[in-house]
Amino acid sequence: MTTDPIQDIYLRELRNYKPKPESAAEAAEAVKKWSAPAAPGLPESANASIAEELAAYESQTVEVEGQGSAVDGEVAAKEEDWFEEDVVFGNDNVAHH
């Protein structure tokens, strides 16, 4: 069996290492006391702006797509169906791939 001299030295030093015990005062100094953070306050302008925004929202008119009336002299644009396909039934001349 071959032994590694560096590994032997490392293991011997590891076994001989004795950490210096800390006193209770040193342990207490290493840890910061925890205190709960203060709760943030609500800004003064927040209450007024929320009330104004809510009033503006409630006074808005409801817009429904497709039910809007055209402006004077303007013709409502016809909605195009882009997904409509030409359907051919009963036509045997169609080439099958």
C-alpha atoms as a PDB file:
ATOM      1  CA  MET A   1       0.000   0.000   0.000  1.00  0.00           C
ATOM      2  CA  THR A   2       1.407   3.373  -0.976  1.00  0.00           C
ATOM      3  CA  THR A   3       0.979   6.339   1.293  1.00  0.00           C
ATOM      4  CA  ASP A   4       0.938   9.948   0.306  1.00  0.00           C
ATOM      5  CA  PRO A   5       3.277  11.959   2.586  1.00  0.00           C
ATOM      6  CA  ILE A   6       1.383  15.219   1.996  1.00  0.00           C
ATOM      7  CA  GLN A   7      -1.902  13.595   2.883  1.00  0.00           C
ATOM      8  CA  ASP A   8      -0.351  12.159   6.044  1.00  0.00           C
ATOM      9  CA  ILE A   9       0.968  15.570   7.108  1.00  0.00           C
ATOM     10  CA  TYR A  10      -2.402  17.194   6.380  1.00  0.00           C
ATOM     11  CA  LEU A  11      -4.359  14.587   8.374  1.00  0.00           C
ATOM     12  CA  ARG A  12      -1.907  14.788  11.298  1.00  0.00           C
ATOM     13  CA  GLU A  13      -2.219  18.595  11.472  1.00  0.00           C
ATOM     14  CA  LEU A  14      -5.989  18.326  11.161  1.00  0.00           C
ATOM     15  CA  ARG A  15      -6.149  15.904  14.098  1.00  0.00           C
ATOM     16  CA  ASN A  16      -3.851  18.082  16.238  1.00  0.00           C
ATOM     17  CA  TYR A  17      -5.803  21.312  15.633  1.00  0.00           C
ATOM     18  CA  LYS A  18      -7.685  22.465  18.696  1.00  0.00           C
ATOM     19  CA  PRO A  19      -9.869  25.566  18.175  1.00  0.00           C
ATOM     20  CA  LYS A  20      -9.650  28.237  20.874  1.00  0.00           C
ATOM     21  CA  PRO A  21     -12.938  28.264  22.791  1.00  0.00           C
ATOM     22  CA  GLU A  22     -14.824  31.574  22.685  1.00  0.00           C
ATOM     23  CA  SER A  23     -16.161  33.163  25.784  1.00  0.00           C
ATOM     24  CA  ALA A  24     -19.822  34.080  26.061  1.00  0.00           C
ATOM     25  CA  ALA A  25     -18.984  37.786  25.738  1.00  0.00           C
ATOM     26  CA  GLU A  26     -17.071  37.228  22.483  1.00  0.00           C
ATOM     27  CA  ALA A  27     -19.933  35.159  21.078  1.00  0.00           C
ATOM     28  CA  ALA A  28     -22.449  37.905  21.982  1.00  0.00           C
ATOM     29  CA  GLU A  29     -20.287  40.549  20.259  1.00  0.00           C
ATOM     30  CA  ALA A  30     -20.143  38.517  17.042  1.00  0.00           C
ATOM     31  CA  VAL A  31     -23.935  38.557  16.655  1.00  0.00           C
ATOM     32  CA  LYS A  32     -25.953  41.713  16.032  1.00  0.00           C
ATOM     33  CA  LYS A  33     -29.173  42.066  17.991  1.00  0.00           C
ATOM     34  CA  TRP A  34     -32.256  41.758  15.763  1.00  0.00           C
ATOM     35  CA  SER A  35     -35.017  44.298  15.926  1.00  0.00           C
ATOM     36  CA  ALA A  36     -38.107  44.460  13.735  1.00  0.00           C
ATOM     37  CA  PRO A  37     -38.074  47.296  11.190  1.00  0.00           C
ATOM     38  CA  ALA A  38     -40.551  50.119  11.590  1.00  0.00           C
ATOM     39  CA  ALA A  39     -43.671  49.866   9.450  1.00  0.00           C
ATOM     40  CA  PRO A  40     -43.658  52.358   6.575  1.00  0.00           C
ATOM     41  CA  GLY A  41     -46.281  55.085   6.619  1.00  0.00           C
ATOM     42  CA  LEU A  42     -48.726  55.880   3.833  1.00  0.00           C
ATOM     43  CA  PRO A  43     -47.823  59.058   1.936  1.00  0.00           C
ATOM     44  CA  GLU A  44     -50.165  62.028   2.421  1.00  0.00           C
ATOM     45  CA  SER A  45     -50.848  62.453  -1.291  1.00  0.00           C
ATOM     46  CA  ALA A  46     -51.778  58.788  -1.798  1.00  0.00           C
ATOM     47  CA  ASN A  47     -55.283  59.048  -0.336  1.00  0.00           C
ATOM     48  CA  ALA A  48     -56.240  62.061  -2.457  1.00  0.00           C
ATOM     49  CA  SER A  49     -54.858  60.645  -5.692  1.00  0.00           C
ATOM     50  CA  ILE A  50     -56.604  57.294  -5.194  1.00  0.00           C
ATOM     51  CA  ALA A  51     -59.947  59.020  -4.634  1.00  0.00           C
ATOM     52  CA  GLU A  52     -59.467  61.175  -7.747  1.00  0.00           C
ATOM     53  CA  GLU A  53     -58.494  58.186  -9.883  1.00  0.00           C
ATOM     54  CA  LEU A  54     -61.486  56.192  -8.616  1.00  0.00           C
ATOM     55  CA  ALA A  55     -63.882  59.031  -9.421  1.00  0.00           C
ATOM     56  CA  ALA A  56     -62.384  59.385 -12.915  1.00  0.00           C
ATOM     57  CA  TYR A  57     -62.714  55.643 -13.481  1.00  0.00           C
ATOM     58  CA  GLU A  58     -66.351  55.594 -12.385  1.00  0.00           C
ATOM     59  CA  SER A  59     -67.233  58.501 -14.688  1.00  0.00           C
ATOM     60  CA  GLN A  60     -65.757  56.860 -17.809  1.00  0.00           C
ATOM     61  CA  THR A  61     -68.120  55.568 -20.478  1.00  0.00           C
ATOM     62  CA  VAL A  62     -68.017  51.906 -21.283  1.00  0.00           C
ATOM     63  CA  GLU A  63     -66.623  51.119 -24.728  1.00  0.00           C
ATOM     64  CA  VAL A  64     -67.715  47.840 -26.270  1.00  0.00           C
ATOM     65  CA  GLU A  65     -66.018  46.701 -29.447  1.00  0.00           C
ATOM     66  CA  GLY A  66     -68.363  46.334 -32.396  1.00  0.00           C
ATOM     67  CA  GLN A  67     -71.148  48.397 -30.820  1.00  0.00           C
ATOM     68  CA  GLY A  68     -69.588  51.831 -31.289  1.00  0.00           C
ATOM     69  CA  SER A  69     -71.547  54.324 -33.365  1.00  0.00           C
ATOM     70  CA  ALA A  70     -69.895  56.009 -36.328  1.00  0.00           C
ATOM     71  CA  VAL A  71     -69.037  59.697 -36.104  1.00  0.00           C
ATOM     72  CA  ASP A  72     -71.072  62.043 -38.368  1.00  0.00           C
ATOM     73  CA  GLY A  73     -70.142  61.478 -42.016  1.00  0.00           C
ATOM     74  CA  GLU A  74     -67.869  58.568 -41.192  1.00  0.00           C
ATOM     75  CA  VAL A  75     -68.811  55.058 -42.246  1.00  0.00           C
ATOM     76  CA  ALA A  76     -68.044  52.323 -39.780  1.00  0.00           C
ATOM     77  CA  ALA A  77     -65.254  50.092 -41.079  1.00  0.00           C
ATOM     78  CA  LYS A  78     -66.375  46.597 -41.967  1.00  0.00           C
ATOM     79  CA  GLU A  79     -64.611  44.022 -39.887  1.00  0.00           C
ATOM     80  CA  GLU A  80     -62.692  41.618 -42.078  1.00  0.00           C
ATOM     81  CA  ASP A  81     -62.425  37.964 -41.202  1.00  0.00           C
ATOM     82  CA  TRP A  82     -58.795  37.102 -41.825  1.00  0.00           C
ATOM     83  CA  PHE A  83     -59.245  33.452 -40.898  1.00  0.00           C
ATOM     84  CA  GLU A  84     -62.025  32.720 -43.350  1.00  0.00           C
ATOM     85  CA  GLU A  85     -61.043  30.060 -45.853  1.00  0.00           C
ATOM     86  CA  ASP A  86     -62.669  29.154 -49.138  1.00  0.00           C
ATOM     87  CA  VAL A  87     -64.413  25.874 -48.548  1.00  0.00           C
ATOM     88  CA  VAL A  88     -64.992  23.631 -51.570  1.00  0.00           C
ATOM     89  CA  PHE A  89     -67.327  20.659 -51.110  1.00  0.00           C
ATOM     90  CA  GLY A  90     -67.990  17.892 -53.605  1.00  0.00           C
ATOM     91  CA  ASN A  91     -65.304  18.993 -56.043  1.00  0.00           C
ATOM     92  CA  ASP A  92     -63.333  15.974 -57.243  1.00  0.00           C
ATOM     93  CA  ASN A  93     -60.977  18.057 -59.377  1.00  0.00           C
ATOM     94  CA  VAL A  94     -59.017  19.224 -56.358  1.00  0.00           C
ATOM     95  CA  ALA A  95     -55.556  17.663 -56.380  1.00  0.00           C
ATOM     96  CA  HIS A  96     -54.721  15.651 -53.279  1.00  0.00           C
ATOM     97  CA  HIS A  97     -51.162  15.685 -52.018  1.00  0.00           C
END
